[in-house]
């Protein structure tokens, strides 16, 4: 009897692990910034391999005093950054966080984000799952940002 309950517990443990393994992030990185810059951003692809829509609902990092979810929107002919409540990830789909679009914003950096460093990032999702990952800090070229913006306008 003791063996069965242990086996059941082990099986349930694996089931809950697989449920949380249904959201993955790929190609995540934070933007390198000059030493005097108070803010930065992180970009990535979030993939949802479940049959249910989920949302990224919050993010935290010890690298920043405050972390928010953001998007760029056109307002009165100008591109402006706006905080969003959540970032939806469709069932069996993905969403790309990229320069000029959706992203994770770091405010009040605790130290400069230099190319080659790593930053710890925690992402919390509407299904209760959480992803903790160290992501590399990379330099973003201005031409890369323009490519993304042009692509968004076509």
Protein backbone atom coordinates (compact mmCIF):
# COMPACT_ATOMS: atom_id res chain seq x y z
CA UNK A 1 0.00 0.00 0.00
CA UNK A 2 2.82 2.37 0.87
CA UNK A 3 4.40 1.64 -2.52
CA UNK A 4 1.22 2.56 -4.42
CA UNK A 5 0.80 5.93 -2.73
CA UNK A 6 4.46 6.73 -3.41
CA UNK A 7 4.04 5.71 -7.03
CA UNK A 8 0.87 7.79 -7.29
CA UNK A 9 2.68 10.77 -5.76
CA UNK A 10 5.58 10.31 -8.15
CA UNK A 11 3.20 10.08 -11.12
CA UNK A 12 1.33 13.22 -10.03
CA UNK A 13 4.65 14.97 -9.55
CA UNK A 14 5.64 14.19 -13.15
CA UNK A 15 2.23 15.32 -14.39
CA UNK A 16 2.60 18.71 -12.75
CA UNK A 17 6.16 19.05 -14.07
CA UNK A 18 4.99 18.39 -17.61
CA UNK A 19 2.19 20.94 -17.21
CA UNK A 20 4.72 23.62 -16.33
CA UNK A 21 7.08 22.58 -19.13
CA UNK A 22 4.42 23.64 -21.65
CA UNK A 23 5.69 27.24 -21.89
CA UNK A 24 9.20 27.86 -23.19
CA UNK A 25 11.26 30.89 -24.05
CA UNK A 26 13.79 30.96 -26.87
CA UNK A 27 16.43 33.42 -28.06
CA UNK A 28 16.04 35.60 -24.96
CA UNK A 29 18.43 38.51 -24.42
CA UNK A 30 18.62 41.89 -22.71
CA UNK A 31 19.77 45.04 -24.46
CA UNK A 32 23.24 46.34 -23.59
CA UNK A 33 23.13 49.99 -22.53
CA UNK A 34 25.65 52.76 -21.80
CA UNK A 35 26.76 52.89 -18.14
CA UNK A 36 24.67 56.01 -17.45
CA UNK A 37 21.40 54.54 -18.85
CA UNK A 38 18.78 53.92 -16.14
CA UNK A 39 16.66 51.51 -18.26
CA UNK A 40 16.93 48.56 -20.66
CA UNK A 41 14.70 45.91 -22.23
CA UNK A 42 14.55 42.16 -22.85
CA UNK A 43 13.38 40.38 -25.98
CA UNK A 44 12.54 36.73 -26.69
CA UNK A 45 10.15 34.28 -28.29
CA UNK A 46 7.58 32.73 -25.94
CA UNK A 47 6.16 29.41 -27.10
CA UNK A 48 2.98 27.83 -25.71
CA UNK A 49 2.66 24.11 -26.49
CA UNK A 50 -0.63 23.68 -24.61
CA UNK A 51 -4.18 23.65 -25.99
CA UNK A 52 -5.04 26.70 -23.87
CA UNK A 53 -4.32 30.38 -24.38
CA UNK A 54 -2.05 31.79 -21.67
CA UNK A 55 -0.64 35.19 -20.87
CA UNK A 56 2.64 36.51 -19.57
CA UNK A 57 1.34 38.49 -16.58
CA UNK A 58 4.49 39.79 -14.90
CA UNK A 59 8.26 39.73 -14.82
CA UNK A 60 10.91 40.40 -12.18
CA UNK A 61 14.68 40.73 -12.13
CA UNK A 62 17.24 41.63 -9.47
CA UNK A 63 18.92 43.71 -12.21
CA UNK A 64 16.20 46.38 -12.02
CA UNK A 65 14.18 48.24 -9.42
CA UNK A 66 11.02 47.74 -11.50
CA UNK A 67 10.16 45.42 -14.42
CA UNK A 68 7.12 45.98 -16.66
CA UNK A 69 5.57 44.49 -19.79
CA UNK A 70 5.49 47.00 -22.68
CA UNK A 71 4.51 47.53 -26.30
CA UNK A 72 5.18 50.25 -28.86
CA UNK A 73 2.05 51.84 -30.31
CA UNK A 74 1.44 54.61 -32.84
CA UNK A 75 -0.21 57.59 -31.10
CA UNK A 76 -0.80 60.95 -32.83
CA UNK A 77 1.69 60.00 -35.54
CA UNK A 78 4.42 59.15 -33.05
CA UNK A 79 5.67 55.73 -31.88
CA UNK A 80 5.30 55.59 -28.10
CA UNK A 81 6.04 52.94 -25.50
CA UNK A 82 3.10 51.86 -23.34
CA UNK A 83 2.82 49.47 -20.42
CA UNK A 84 0.50 46.50 -21.05
CA UNK A 85 -1.30 44.42 -18.43
CA UNK A 86 -0.31 41.11 -20.05
CA UNK A 87 1.10 39.58 -23.21
CA UNK A 88 -1.12 36.89 -24.73
CA UNK A 89 0.41 33.67 -26.05
CA UNK A 90 -2.08 31.66 -28.15
CA UNK A 91 -2.67 27.93 -27.63
CA UNK A 92 -0.09 25.92 -29.59
CA UNK A 93 1.42 29.21 -30.74
CA UNK A 94 4.06 31.77 -29.97
CA UNK A 95 4.60 35.48 -29.56
CA UNK A 96 7.80 37.35 -30.41
CA UNK A 97 9.03 40.12 -28.13
CA UNK A 98 11.30 42.33 -30.26
CA UNK A 99 12.63 45.87 -30.60
CA UNK A 100 9.85 48.17 -31.78
CA UNK A 101 7.14 45.83 -30.45
CA UNK A 102 6.29 43.88 -27.31
CA UNK A 103 9.11 43.65 -24.75
CA UNK A 104 10.02 43.36 -21.07
CA UNK A 105 11.18 46.73 -19.74
CA UNK A 106 13.79 47.11 -16.97
CA UNK A 107 13.58 50.39 -15.01
CA UNK A 108 16.09 51.70 -12.45
CA UNK A 109 18.92 49.31 -13.33
CA UNK A 110 20.92 48.19 -10.31
CA UNK A 111 24.13 48.15 -12.43
CA UNK A 112 24.97 48.83 -16.08
CA UNK A 113 23.93 46.15 -18.60
CA UNK A 114 27.13 45.43 -20.49
CA UNK A 115 27.49 43.22 -23.55
CA UNK A 116 28.63 39.74 -22.47
CA UNK A 117 26.97 39.92 -19.02
CA UNK A 118 24.00 37.79 -17.97
CA UNK A 119 20.81 38.98 -16.29
CA UNK A 120 18.45 36.87 -14.18
CA UNK A 121 14.82 37.12 -15.35
CA UNK A 122 11.66 35.53 -13.90
CA UNK A 123 8.49 35.37 -16.00
CA UNK A 124 5.08 34.57 -14.45
CA UNK A 125 2.20 33.22 -16.54
CA UNK A 126 -1.58 33.14 -16.14
CA UNK A 127 -1.57 29.33 -15.81
CA UNK A 128 0.57 29.57 -12.65
CA UNK A 129 3.81 28.56 -14.35
CA UNK A 130 7.02 30.49 -13.86
CA UNK A 131 10.24 30.51 -15.87
CA UNK A 132 13.50 31.58 -14.24
CA UNK A 133 16.37 32.04 -16.63
CA UNK A 134 19.67 33.85 -16.96
CA UNK A 135 19.70 35.67 -20.28
CA UNK A 136 22.68 37.16 -22.12
CA UNK A 137 23.14 40.91 -22.55
CA UNK A 138 23.67 41.79 -26.22
CA UNK A 139 24.30 44.94 -28.18
CA UNK A 140 21.44 45.87 -30.52
CA UNK A 141 22.42 47.66 -33.68
CA UNK A 142 20.24 50.59 -34.77
CA UNK A 143 19.79 48.98 -38.21
CA UNK A 144 18.21 45.91 -36.53
CA UNK A 145 15.64 48.12 -34.83
CA UNK A 146 14.76 49.80 -38.16
CA UNK A 147 14.29 46.40 -39.83
CA UNK A 148 11.75 45.46 -37.15
CA UNK A 149 9.91 48.77 -37.45
CA UNK A 150 9.74 48.55 -41.26
CA UNK A 151 8.43 45.00 -41.02
CA UNK A 152 5.68 46.16 -38.64
CA UNK A 153 4.50 48.86 -41.06
CA UNK A 154 4.11 46.63 -44.15
